[in-house]
Amino acid sequence: MKKFLVLCLLIGVVIVFAGENEIQPVNLPKPQITGGKPLMEALSARKSMREFSSNELSNQTISNLLWAAFGINRPDSGKRTAPSASNWQEIDIYVATPKAVYVYDAKTNILKPVISGDFRANFGRQAFVKTAPVVLAYVADYSKMGRASQSDKDFYSAVDTGFISQNVYLFCASEGLNTVVLGIVDRENLAKILNLKVEQKIILTQPVGYPKK
Protein backbone atom coordinates (compact mmCIF):
# COMPACT_ATOMS: atom_id res chain seq x y z
CA MET A 1 0.00 0.00 0.00
CA LYS A 2 2.82 2.37 0.93
CA LYS A 3 4.63 1.61 -2.34
CA PHE A 4 1.44 2.32 -4.23
CA LEU A 5 1.00 5.69 -2.48
CA VAL A 6 4.62 6.65 -3.15
CA LEU A 7 4.22 5.70 -6.82
CA CYS A 8 1.08 7.83 -7.12
CA LEU A 9 2.88 10.76 -5.49
CA LEU A 10 5.79 10.48 -7.91
CA ILE A 11 3.45 10.33 -10.90
CA GLY A 12 1.68 13.44 -9.62
CA VAL A 13 4.97 15.32 -9.30
CA VAL A 14 5.95 14.37 -12.85
CA ILE A 15 2.60 15.55 -14.19
CA VAL A 16 2.88 18.88 -12.36
CA PHE A 17 6.37 19.56 -13.68
CA ALA A 18 5.36 18.51 -17.18
CA GLY A 19 2.48 20.95 -17.04
CA GLU A 20 4.75 23.75 -15.88
CA ASN A 21 7.17 23.17 -18.75
CA GLU A 22 4.49 22.96 -21.42
CA ILE A 23 4.04 26.18 -23.39
CA GLN A 24 0.50 27.40 -23.93
CA PRO A 25 -1.05 29.31 -26.83
CA VAL A 26 -1.11 33.08 -26.38
CA ASN A 27 -4.49 34.69 -26.98
CA LEU A 28 -3.53 38.12 -28.23
CA PRO A 29 -5.75 41.13 -27.53
CA LYS A 30 -7.74 42.54 -30.41
CA PRO A 31 -5.40 44.60 -32.61
CA GLN A 32 -5.75 48.38 -32.45
CA ILE A 33 -6.24 49.40 -36.07
CA THR A 34 -6.56 53.16 -35.61
CA GLY A 35 -4.04 55.83 -34.70
CA GLY A 36 -0.32 55.89 -35.38
CA LYS A 37 1.61 58.33 -37.53
CA PRO A 38 0.26 59.51 -40.89
CA LEU A 39 1.61 57.46 -43.79
CA MET A 40 3.98 60.11 -45.12
CA GLU A 41 5.49 60.63 -41.66
CA ALA A 42 5.95 56.88 -41.22
CA LEU A 43 7.66 56.68 -44.61
CA SER A 44 9.91 59.55 -43.63
CA ALA A 45 10.87 57.78 -40.37
CA ARG A 46 11.35 54.31 -41.91
CA LYS A 47 14.90 52.97 -41.48
CA SER A 48 16.94 49.90 -40.55
CA MET A 49 18.32 49.84 -37.01
CA ARG A 50 20.50 47.11 -35.51
CA GLU A 51 20.45 47.99 -31.81
CA PHE A 52 17.69 46.86 -29.47
CA SER A 53 16.67 47.32 -25.87
CA SER A 54 15.89 44.13 -23.98
CA ASN A 55 12.56 45.62 -22.81
CA GLU A 56 9.71 43.27 -23.71
CA LEU A 57 6.93 44.20 -26.09
CA SER A 58 3.44 44.03 -24.62
CA ASN A 59 0.97 41.52 -26.02
CA GLN A 60 -1.03 44.47 -27.35
CA THR A 61 1.98 45.77 -29.28
CA ILE A 62 2.72 42.27 -30.63
CA SER A 63 -0.92 41.93 -31.71
CA ASN A 64 -0.80 45.29 -33.49
CA LEU A 65 2.56 44.41 -35.08
CA LEU A 66 1.40 41.07 -36.48
CA TRP A 67 -1.89 42.48 -37.72
CA ALA A 68 0.00 45.24 -39.54
CA ALA A 69 2.39 42.64 -40.96
CA PHE A 70 -0.11 40.14 -42.34
CA GLY A 71 -3.33 40.30 -40.38
CA ILE A 72 -6.86 40.03 -41.73
CA ASN A 73 -8.22 43.45 -42.68
CA ARG A 74 -11.29 42.19 -44.56
CA PRO A 75 -13.00 39.62 -42.34
CA ASP A 76 -15.69 38.80 -44.92
CA SER A 77 -13.13 37.47 -47.39
CA GLY A 78 -10.23 36.65 -45.05
CA LYS A 79 -7.88 38.83 -47.08
CA ARG A 80 -4.85 40.44 -45.51
CA THR A 81 -2.97 43.68 -44.93
CA ALA A 82 -0.33 42.55 -47.46
CA PRO A 83 -1.01 41.14 -50.94
CA SER A 84 -0.12 37.60 -51.90
CA ALA A 85 0.06 36.10 -55.38
CA SER A 86 -3.17 34.30 -56.33
CA ASN A 87 -4.22 34.90 -52.71
CA TRP A 88 -2.17 31.85 -51.75
CA GLN A 89 -1.38 33.40 -48.34
CA GLU A 90 1.61 31.08 -48.26
CA ILE A 91 3.70 33.04 -45.75
CA ASP A 92 3.59 32.03 -42.08
CA ILE A 93 5.11 34.30 -39.45
CA TYR A 94 7.09 32.56 -36.71
CA VAL A 95 7.63 34.64 -33.57
CA ALA A 96 10.64 34.06 -31.33
CA THR A 97 10.59 35.44 -27.77
CA PRO A 98 12.84 34.81 -24.75
CA LYS A 99 10.43 32.07 -23.61
CA ALA A 100 9.40 30.22 -26.76
CA VAL A 101 8.79 30.23 -30.50
CA TYR A 102 5.24 30.57 -31.78
CA VAL A 103 3.49 30.77 -35.14
CA TYR A 104 0.94 33.51 -35.75
CA ASP A 105 -2.60 32.42 -36.59
CA ALA A 106 -4.22 35.47 -38.19
CA LYS A 107 -7.71 33.94 -38.24
CA THR A 108 -7.86 33.47 -34.47
CA ASN A 109 -5.28 36.14 -33.47
CA ILE A 110 -3.44 33.50 -31.45
CA LEU A 111 0.25 32.68 -31.11
CA LYS A 112 0.41 28.90 -31.43
CA PRO A 113 3.35 27.28 -29.61
CA VAL A 114 6.06 25.65 -31.68
CA ILE A 115 8.92 25.02 -29.25
CA SER A 116 9.80 26.07 -25.72
CA GLY A 117 13.05 27.94 -25.06
CA ASP A 118 15.00 30.96 -26.23
CA PHE A 119 16.04 30.46 -29.87
CA ARG A 120 16.32 34.11 -30.92
CA ALA A 121 20.05 33.77 -31.60
CA ASN A 122 19.26 31.12 -34.23
CA PHE A 123 17.15 33.58 -36.24
CA GLY A 124 20.24 35.37 -37.58
CA ARG A 125 24.01 35.24 -37.52
CA GLN A 126 24.51 38.74 -36.11
CA ALA A 127 25.05 39.17 -32.36
CA PHE A 128 22.33 41.80 -31.99
CA VAL A 129 19.56 39.37 -33.01
CA LYS A 130 19.43 37.70 -29.59
CA THR A 131 18.97 41.06 -27.85
CA ALA A 132 15.71 41.94 -29.62
CA PRO A 133 12.65 40.97 -27.55
CA VAL A 134 10.87 39.62 -30.64
CA VAL A 135 12.32 38.13 -33.83
CA LEU A 136 10.07 37.26 -36.75
CA ALA A 137 10.77 34.60 -39.35
CA TYR A 138 8.89 34.55 -42.64
CA VAL A 139 8.33 30.98 -43.80
CA ALA A 140 6.82 30.13 -47.18
CA ASP A 141 4.71 27.00 -47.41
CA TYR A 142 5.07 25.89 -51.02
CA SER A 143 2.32 23.30 -50.57
CA LYS A 144 -0.17 26.21 -50.55
CA MET A 145 0.99 27.43 -53.98
CA GLY A 146 -0.77 24.86 -56.11
CA ARG A 147 0.84 23.79 -59.37
CA ALA A 148 3.10 26.81 -59.70
CA SER A 149 6.58 26.04 -60.99
CA GLN A 150 9.52 25.97 -58.61
CA SER A 151 10.86 29.24 -60.01
CA ASP A 152 7.46 30.92 -59.57
CA LYS A 153 7.20 29.65 -56.00
CA ASP A 154 10.65 31.05 -55.23
CA PHE A 155 9.86 34.38 -56.89
CA TYR A 156 6.38 35.02 -55.52
CA SER A 157 7.14 33.90 -51.96
CA ALA A 158 10.09 36.32 -51.93
CA VAL A 159 7.92 39.16 -53.28
CA ASP A 160 5.13 38.44 -50.78
CA THR A 161 7.62 38.41 -47.93
CA GLY A 162 8.84 41.81 -49.10
CA PHE A 163 5.33 43.24 -48.77
CA ILE A 164 4.98 41.85 -45.24
CA SER A 165 8.40 42.97 -44.03
CA GLN A 166 7.75 46.49 -45.35
CA ASN A 167 4.50 46.58 -43.37
CA VAL A 168 6.58 45.74 -40.29
CA TYR A 169 9.02 48.53 -41.14
CA LEU A 170 6.21 51.06 -41.41
CA PHE A 171 4.56 49.88 -38.20
CA CYS A 172 7.87 50.21 -36.37
CA ALA A 173 8.43 53.67 -37.82
CA SER A 174 4.98 54.69 -36.61
CA GLU A 175 5.47 53.25 -33.12
CA GLY A 176 9.07 54.26 -32.46
CA LEU A 177 10.44 50.72 -32.65
CA ASN A 178 13.66 49.51 -34.24
CA THR A 179 13.79 46.79 -36.88
CA VAL A 180 15.93 45.43 -39.69
CA VAL A 181 15.34 42.67 -42.23
CA LEU A 182 17.93 39.87 -42.27
CA GLY A 183 18.97 37.54 -45.05
CA ILE A 184 22.04 36.10 -43.33
CA VAL A 185 20.40 33.16 -41.56
CA ASP A 186 21.42 29.54 -41.07
CA ARG A 187 18.22 28.34 -42.70
CA GLU A 188 19.00 24.64 -42.48
CA ASN A 189 19.60 24.78 -38.73
CA LEU A 190 16.60 27.01 -38.06
CA ALA A 191 14.35 24.74 -40.12
CA LYS A 192 15.35 21.82 -37.88
CA ILE A 193 14.64 23.84 -34.74
CA LEU A 194 11.20 24.82 -36.05
CA ASN A 195 10.55 21.26 -37.28
CA LEU A 196 9.57 22.56 -40.71
CA LYS A 197 8.25 20.36 -43.48
CA VAL A 198 10.16 19.86 -46.72
CA GLU A 199 7.70 22.21 -48.46
CA GLN A 200 8.42 25.04 -46.00
CA LYS A 201 11.21 27.51 -46.81
CA ILE A 202 12.61 30.24 -44.58
CA ILE A 203 12.81 33.47 -46.60
CA LEU A 204 13.91 36.23 -44.18
CA THR A 205 13.94 37.10 -40.49
CA GLN A 206 13.27 40.45 -38.82
CA PRO A 207 14.03 41.45 -35.22
CA VAL A 208 11.81 44.08 -33.57
CA GLY A 209 12.29 46.00 -30.35
CA TYR A 210 12.62 49.32 -28.62
CA PRO A 211 15.67 51.48 -29.35
CA LYS A 212 18.68 50.81 -27.14
CA LYS A 213 19.29 53.64 -24.68
C-alpha atoms as a PDB file:
ATOM      1  CA  MET A   1       0.000   0.000   0.000  1.00  0.00           C
ATOM      2  CA  LYS A   2       2.825   2.369   0.928  1.00  0.00           C
ATOM      3  CA  LYS A   3       4.635   1.607  -2.336  1.00  0.00           C
ATOM      4  CA  PHE A   4       1.436   2.322  -4.231  1.00  0.00           C
ATOM      5  CA  LEU A   5       1.000   5.692  -2.483  1.00  0.00           C
ATOM      6  CA  VAL A   6       4.624   6.647  -3.153  1.00  0.00           C
ATOM      7  CA  LEU A   7       4.218   5.702  -6.819  1.00  0.00           C
ATOM      8  CA  CYS A   8       1.080   7.830  -7.124  1.00  0.00           C
ATOM      9  CA  LEU A   9       2.884  10.758  -5.485  1.00  0.00           C
ATOM     10  CA  LEU A  10       5.792  10.484  -7.907  1.00  0.00           C
ATOM     11  CA  ILE A  11       3.450  10.333 -10.895  1.00  0.00           C
ATOM     12  CA  GLY A  12       1.679  13.442  -9.616  1.00  0.00           C
ATOM     13  CA  VAL A  13       4.965  15.325  -9.302  1.00  0.00           C
ATOM     14  CA  VAL A  14       5.950  14.370 -12.846  1.00  0.00           C
ATOM     15  CA  ILE A  15       2.602  15.547 -14.190  1.00  0.00           C
ATOM     16  CA  VAL A  16       2.885  18.880 -12.357  1.00  0.00           C
ATOM     17  CA  PHE A  17       6.372  19.558 -13.678  1.00  0.00           C
ATOM     18  CA  ALA A  18       5.362  18.513 -17.182  1.00  0.00           C
ATOM     19  CA  GLY A  19       2.478  20.951 -17.045  1.00  0.00           C
ATOM     20  CA  GLU A  20       4.754  23.753 -15.876  1.00  0.00           C
ATOM     21  CA  ASN A  21       7.169  23.168 -18.750  1.00  0.00           C
ATOM     22  CA  GLU A  22       4.486  22.958 -21.425  1.00  0.00           C
ATOM     23  CA  ILE A  23       4.036  26.181 -23.387  1.00  0.00           C
ATOM     24  CA  GLN A  24       0.502  27.398 -23.931  1.00  0.00           C
ATOM     25  CA  PRO A  25      -1.053  29.307 -26.827  1.00  0.00           C
ATOM     26  CA  VAL A  26      -1.113  33.075 -26.377  1.00  0.00           C
ATOM     27  CA  ASN A  27      -4.489  34.686 -26.983  1.00  0.00           C
ATOM     28  CA  LEU A  28      -3.527  38.117 -28.230  1.00  0.00           C
ATOM     29  CA  PRO A  29      -5.746  41.128 -27.529  1.00  0.00           C
ATOM     30  CA  LYS A  30      -7.739  42.545 -30.406  1.00  0.00           C
ATOM     31  CA  PRO A  31      -5.404  44.605 -32.610  1.00  0.00           C
ATOM     32  CA  GLN A  32      -5.749  48.377 -32.446  1.00  0.00           C
ATOM     33  CA  ILE A  33      -6.242  49.398 -36.071  1.00  0.00           C
ATOM     34  CA  THR A  34      -6.561  53.155 -35.615  1.00  0.00           C
ATOM     35  CA  GLY A  35      -4.039  55.831 -34.699  1.00  0.00           C
ATOM     36  CA  GLY A  36      -0.323  55.892 -35.377  1.00  0.00           C
ATOM     37  CA  LYS A  37       1.609  58.330 -37.531  1.00  0.00           C
ATOM     38  CA  PRO A  38       0.256  59.512 -40.890  1.00  0.00           C
ATOM     39  CA  LEU A  39       1.606  57.457 -43.787  1.00  0.00           C
ATOM     40  CA  MET A  40       3.982  60.115 -45.116  1.00  0.00           C
ATOM     41  CA  GLU A  41       5.490  60.631 -41.658  1.00  0.00           C
ATOM     42  CA  ALA A  42       5.949  56.878 -41.216  1.00  0.00           C
ATOM     43  CA  LEU A  43       7.663  56.677 -44.614  1.00  0.00           C
ATOM     44  CA  SER A  44       9.914  59.555 -43.628  1.00  0.00           C
ATOM     45  CA  ALA A  45      10.867  57.781 -40.372  1.00  0.00           C
ATOM     46  CA  ARG A  46      11.348  54.306 -41.910  1.00  0.00           C
ATOM     47  CA  LYS A  47      14.896  52.972 -41.480  1.00  0.00           C
ATOM     48  CA  SER A  48      16.938  49.903 -40.553  1.00  0.00           C
ATOM     49  CA  MET A  49      18.317  49.840 -37.008  1.00  0.00           C
ATOM     50  CA  ARG A  50      20.505  47.110 -35.509  1.00  0.00           C
ATOM     51  CA  GLU A  51      20.454  47.989 -31.808  1.00  0.00           C
ATOM     52  CA  PHE A  52      17.690  46.861 -29.475  1.00  0.00           C
ATOM     53  CA  SER A  53      16.671  47.319 -25.873  1.00  0.00           C
ATOM     54  CA  SER A  54      15.889  44.129 -23.979  1.00  0.00           C
ATOM     55  CA  ASN A  55      12.562  45.616 -22.810  1.00  0.00           C
ATOM     56  CA  GLU A  56       9.711  43.273 -23.712  1.00  0.00           C
ATOM     57  CA  LEU A  57       6.928  44.202 -26.090  1.00  0.00           C
ATOM     58  CA  SER A  58       3.443  44.034 -24.622  1.00  0.00           C
ATOM     59  CA  ASN A  59       0.972  41.524 -26.023  1.00  0.00           C
ATOM     60  CA  GLN A  60      -1.027  44.474 -27.352  1.00  0.00           C
ATOM     61  CA  THR A  61       1.981  45.767 -29.283  1.00  0.00           C
ATOM     62  CA  ILE A  62       2.715  42.271 -30.628  1.00  0.00           C
ATOM     63  CA  SER A  63      -0.916  41.928 -31.710  1.00  0.00           C
ATOM     64  CA  ASN A  64      -0.801  45.292 -33.491  1.00  0.00           C
ATOM     65  CA  LEU A  65       2.559  44.414 -35.080  1.00  0.00           C
ATOM     66  CA  LEU A  66       1.403  41.070 -36.481  1.00  0.00           C
ATOM     67  CA  TRP A  67      -1.887  42.482 -37.717  1.00  0.00           C
ATOM     68  CA  ALA A  68      -0.005  45.243 -39.537  1.00  0.00           C
ATOM     69  CA  ALA A  69       2.392  42.636 -40.958  1.00  0.00           C
ATOM     70  CA  PHE A  70      -0.112  40.137 -42.343  1.00  0.00           C
ATOM     71  CA  GLY A  71      -3.325  40.297 -40.382  1.00  0.00           C
ATOM     72  CA  ILE A  72      -6.862  40.032 -41.726  1.00  0.00           C
ATOM     73  CA  ASN A  73      -8.221  43.452 -42.684  1.00  0.00           C
ATOM     74  CA  ARG A  74     -11.292  42.194 -44.562  1.00  0.00           C
ATOM     75  CA  PRO A  75     -12.996  39.616 -42.338  1.00  0.00           C
ATOM     76  CA  ASP A  76     -15.691  38.799 -44.915  1.00  0.00           C
ATOM     77  CA  SER A  77     -13.129  37.475 -47.386  1.00  0.00           C
ATOM     78  CA  GLY A  78     -10.231  36.648 -45.049  1.00  0.00           C
ATOM     79  CA  LYS A  79      -7.884  38.826 -47.080  1.00  0.00           C
ATOM     80  CA  ARG A  80      -4.852  40.438 -45.508  1.00  0.00           C
ATOM     81  CA  THR A  81      -2.970  43.680 -44.929  1.00  0.00           C
ATOM     82  CA  ALA A  82      -0.335  42.550 -47.456  1.00  0.00           C
ATOM     83  CA  PRO A  83      -1.008  41.137 -50.941  1.00  0.00           C
ATOM     84  CA  SER A  84      -0.118  37.596 -51.904  1.00  0.00           C
ATOM     85  CA  ALA A  85       0.060  36.100 -55.383  1.00  0.00           C
ATOM     86  CA  SER A  86      -3.174  34.296 -56.335  1.00  0.00           C
ATOM     87  CA  ASN A  87      -4.225  34.905 -52.711  1.00  0.00           C
ATOM     88  CA  TRP A  88      -2.169  31.853 -51.752  1.00  0.00           C
ATOM     89  CA  GLN A  89      -1.382  33.400 -48.342  1.00  0.00           C
ATOM     90  CA  GLU A  90       1.608  31.083 -48.261  1.00  0.00           C
ATOM     91  CA  ILE A  91       3.700  33.043 -45.753  1.00  0.00           C
ATOM     92  CA  ASP A  92       3.595  32.029 -42.084  1.00  0.00           C
ATOM     93  CA  ILE A  93       5.113  34.300 -39.446  1.00  0.00           C
ATOM     94  CA  TYR A  94       7.089  32.559 -36.708  1.00  0.00           C
ATOM     95  CA  VAL A  95       7.625  34.644 -33.571  1.00  0.00           C
ATOM     96  CA  ALA A  96      10.639  34.062 -31.329  1.00  0.00           C
ATOM     97  CA  THR A  97      10.593  35.442 -27.766  1.00  0.00           C
ATOM     98  CA  PRO A  98      12.838  34.809 -24.749  1.00  0.00           C
ATOM     99  CA  LYS A  99      10.428  32.072 -23.609  1.00  0.00           C
ATOM    100  CA  ALA A 100       9.399  30.220 -26.762  1.00  0.00           C
ATOM    101  CA  VAL A 101       8.794  30.230 -30.504  1.00  0.00           C
ATOM    102  CA  TYR A 102       5.239  30.573 -31.782  1.00  0.00           C
ATOM    103  CA  VAL A 103       3.494  30.770 -35.140  1.00  0.00           C
ATOM    104  CA  TYR A 104       0.942  33.512 -35.749  1.00  0.00           C
ATOM    105  CA  ASP A 105      -2.597  32.421 -36.591  1.00  0.00           C
ATOM    106  CA  ALA A 106      -4.215  35.469 -38.185  1.00  0.00           C
ATOM    107  CA  LYS A 107      -7.705  33.937 -38.236  1.00  0.00           C
ATOM    108  CA  THR A 108      -7.859  33.474 -34.469  1.00  0.00           C
ATOM    109  CA  ASN A 109      -5.284  36.137 -33.466  1.00  0.00           C
ATOM    110  CA  ILE A 110      -3.436  33.497 -31.451  1.00  0.00           C
ATOM    111  CA  LEU A 111       0.252  32.679 -31.112  1.00  0.00           C
ATOM    112  CA  LYS A 112       0.409  28.905 -31.427  1.00  0.00           C
ATOM    113  CA  PRO A 113       3.345  27.277 -29.605  1.00  0.00           C
ATOM    114  CA  VAL A 114       6.065  25.648 -31.681  1.00  0.00           C
ATOM    115  CA  ILE A 115       8.925  25.017 -29.252  1.00  0.00           C
ATOM    116  CA  SER A 116       9.804  26.075 -25.716  1.00  0.00           C
ATOM    117  CA  GLY A 117      13.046  27.935 -25.057  1.00  0.00           C
ATOM    118  CA  ASP A 118      15.004  30.963 -26.234  1.00  0.00           C
ATOM    119  CA  PHE A 119      16.042  30.463 -29.869  1.00  0.00           C
ATOM    120  CA  ARG A 120      16.315  34.112 -30.919  1.00  0.00           C
ATOM    121  CA  ALA A 121      20.054  33.770 -31.599  1.00  0.00           C
ATOM    122  CA  ASN A 122      19.256  31.125 -34.230  1.00  0.00           C
ATOM    123  CA  PHE A 123      17.153  33.583 -36.241  1.00  0.00           C
ATOM    124  CA  GLY A 124      20.237  35.366 -37.576  1.00  0.00           C
ATOM    125  CA  ARG A 125      24.013  35.237 -37.521  1.00  0.00           C
ATOM    126  CA  GLN A 126      24.510  38.738 -36.110  1.00  0.00           C
ATOM    127  CA  ALA A 127      25.045  39.169 -32.362  1.00  0.00           C
ATOM    128  CA  PHE A 128      22.325  41.799 -31.994  1.00  0.00           C
ATOM    129  CA  VAL A 129      19.562  39.366 -33.008  1.00  0.00           C
ATOM    130  CA  LYS A 130      19.431  37.700 -29.586  1.00  0.00           C
ATOM    131  CA  THR A 131      18.968  41.065 -27.847  1.00  0.00           C
ATOM    132  CA  ALA A 132      15.712  41.939 -29.624  1.00  0.00           C
ATOM    133  CA  PRO A 133      12.650  40.969 -27.551  1.00  0.00           C
ATOM    134  CA  VAL A 134      10.869  39.618 -30.637  1.00  0.00           C
ATOM    135  CA  VAL A 135      12.322  38.131 -33.826  1.00  0.00           C
ATOM    136  CA  LEU A 136      10.071  37.263 -36.747  1.00  0.00           C
ATOM    137  CA  ALA A 137      10.769  34.596 -39.353  1.00  0.00           C
ATOM    138  CA  TYR A 138       8.892  34.546 -42.642  1.00  0.00           C
ATOM    139  CA  VAL A 139       8.332  30.981 -43.799  1.00  0.00           C
ATOM    140  CA  ALA A 140       6.824  30.134 -47.180  1.00  0.00           C
ATOM    141  CA  ASP A 141       4.713  27.002 -47.407  1.00  0.00           C
ATOM    142  CA  TYR A 142       5.067  25.885 -51.018  1.00  0.00           C
ATOM    143  CA  SER A 143       2.319  23.298 -50.565  1.00  0.00           C
ATOM    144  CA  LYS A 144      -0.169  26.210 -50.552  1.00  0.00           C
ATOM    145  CA  MET A 145       0.990  27.428 -53.976  1.00  0.00           C
ATOM    146  CA  GLY A 146      -0.768  24.856 -56.110  1.00  0.00           C
ATOM    147  CA  ARG A 147       0.837  23.786 -59.372  1.00  0.00           C
ATOM    148  CA  ALA A 148       3.099  26.813 -59.703  1.00  0.00           C
ATOM    149  CA  SER A 149       6.581  26.042 -60.995  1.00  0.00           C
ATOM    150  CA  GLN A 150       9.523  25.972 -58.606  1.00  0.00           C
ATOM    151  CA  SER A 151      10.856  29.245 -60.005  1.00  0.00           C
ATOM    152  CA  ASP A 152       7.457  30.917 -59.566  1.00  0.00           C
ATOM    153  CA  LYS A 153       7.203  29.649 -56.003  1.00  0.00           C
ATOM    154  CA  ASP A 154      10.645  31.052 -55.231  1.00  0.00           C
ATOM    155  CA  PHE A 155       9.857  34.379 -56.887  1.00  0.00           C
ATOM    156  CA  TYR A 156       6.376  35.020 -55.518  1.00  0.00           C
ATOM    157  CA  SER A 157       7.144  33.902 -51.960  1.00  0.00           C
ATOM    158  CA  ALA A 158      10.091  36.321 -51.934  1.00  0.00           C
ATOM    159  CA  VAL A 159       7.924  39.161 -53.277  1.00  0.00           C
ATOM    160  CA  ASP A 160       5.131  38.442 -50.782  1.00  0.00           C
ATOM    161  CA  THR A 161       7.623  38.408 -47.932  1.00  0.00           C
ATOM    162  CA  GLY A 162       8.840  41.813 -49.099  1.00  0.00           C
ATOM    163  CA  PHE A 163       5.335  43.238 -48.766  1.00  0.00           C
ATOM    164  CA  ILE A 164       4.982  41.850 -45.242  1.00  0.00           C
ATOM    165  CA  SER A 165       8.403  42.974 -44.033  1.00  0.00           C
ATOM    166  CA  GLN A 166       7.746  46.493 -45.351  1.00  0.00           C
ATOM    167  CA  ASN A 167       4.497  46.581 -43.369  1.00  0.00           C
ATOM    168  CA  VAL A 168       6.579  45.743 -40.295  1.00  0.00           C
ATOM    169  CA  TYR A 169       9.020  48.528 -41.142  1.00  0.00           C
ATOM    170  CA  LEU A 170       6.207  51.060 -41.407  1.00  0.00           C
ATOM    171  CA  PHE A 171       4.558  49.879 -38.200  1.00  0.00           C
ATOM    172  CA  CYS A 172       7.871  50.205 -36.369  1.00  0.00           C
ATOM    173  CA  ALA A 173       8.434  53.673 -37.820  1.00  0.00           C
ATOM    174  CA  SER A 174       4.984  54.694 -36.609  1.00  0.00           C
ATOM    175  CA  GLU A 175       5.467  53.250 -33.117  1.00  0.00           C
ATOM    176  CA  GLY A 176       9.072  54.264 -32.455  1.00  0.00           C
ATOM    177  CA  LEU A 177      10.439  50.719 -32.647  1.00  0.00           C
ATOM    178  CA  ASN A 178      13.664  49.507 -34.237  1.00  0.00           C
ATOM    179  CA  THR A 179      13.787  46.788 -36.876  1.00  0.00           C
ATOM    180  CA  VAL A 180      15.931  45.426 -39.693  1.00  0.00           C
ATOM    181  CA  VAL A 181      15.336  42.667 -42.226  1.00  0.00           C
ATOM    182  CA  LEU A 182      17.927  39.871 -42.271  1.00  0.00           C
ATOM    183  CA  GLY A 183      18.972  37.537 -45.050  1.00  0.00           C
ATOM    184  CA  ILE A 184      22.035  36.099 -43.329  1.00  0.00           C
ATOM    185  CA  VAL A 185      20.398  33.159 -41.561  1.00  0.00           C
ATOM    186  CA  ASP A 186      21.421  29.539 -41.073  1.00  0.00           C
ATOM    187  CA  ARG A 187      18.215  28.341 -42.699  1.00  0.00           C
ATOM    188  CA  GLU A 188      18.996  24.640 -42.477  1.00  0.00           C
ATOM    189  CA  ASN A 189      19.602  24.785 -38.727  1.00  0.00           C
ATOM    190  CA  LEU A 190      16.596  27.007 -38.056  1.00  0.00           C
ATOM    191  CA  ALA A 191      14.347  24.738 -40.124  1.00  0.00           C
ATOM    192  CA  LYS A 192      15.347  21.824 -37.885  1.00  0.00           C
ATOM    193  CA  ILE A 193      14.640  23.836 -34.736  1.00  0.00           C
ATOM    194  CA  LEU A 194      11.202  24.816 -36.048  1.00  0.00           C
ATOM    195  CA  ASN A 195      10.547  21.261 -37.284  1.00  0.00           C
ATOM    196  CA  LEU A 196       9.567  22.562 -40.713  1.00  0.00           C
ATOM    197  CA  LYS A 197       8.250  20.359 -43.483  1.00  0.00           C
ATOM    198  CA  VAL A 198      10.162  19.859 -46.724  1.00  0.00           C
ATOM    199  CA  GLU A 199       7.700  22.206 -48.458  1.00  0.00           C
ATOM    200  CA  GLN A 200       8.418  25.039 -45.999  1.00  0.00           C
ATOM    201  CA  LYS A 201      11.208  27.505 -46.815  1.00  0.00           C
ATOM    202  CA  ILE A 202      12.615  30.242 -44.579  1.00  0.00           C
ATOM    203  CA  ILE A 203      12.805  33.475 -46.598  1.00  0.00           C
ATOM    204  CA  LEU A 204      13.910  36.228 -44.182  1.00  0.00           C
ATOM    205  CA  THR A 205      13.943  37.104 -40.491  1.00  0.00           C
ATOM    206  CA  GLN A 206      13.274  40.450 -38.822  1.00  0.00           C
ATOM    207  CA  PRO A 207      14.035  41.450 -35.218  1.00  0.00           C
ATOM    208  CA  VAL A 208      11.810  44.078 -33.573  1.00  0.00           C
ATOM    209  CA  GLY A 209      12.292  46.001 -30.348  1.00  0.00           C
ATOM    210  CA  TYR A 210      12.617  49.318 -28.618  1.00  0.00           C
ATOM    211  CA  PRO A 211      15.675  51.477 -29.347  1.00  0.00           C
ATOM    212  CA  LYS A 212      18.679  50.806 -27.142  1.00  0.00           C
ATOM    213  CA  LYS A 213      19.291  53.644 -24.678  1.00  0.00           C
END
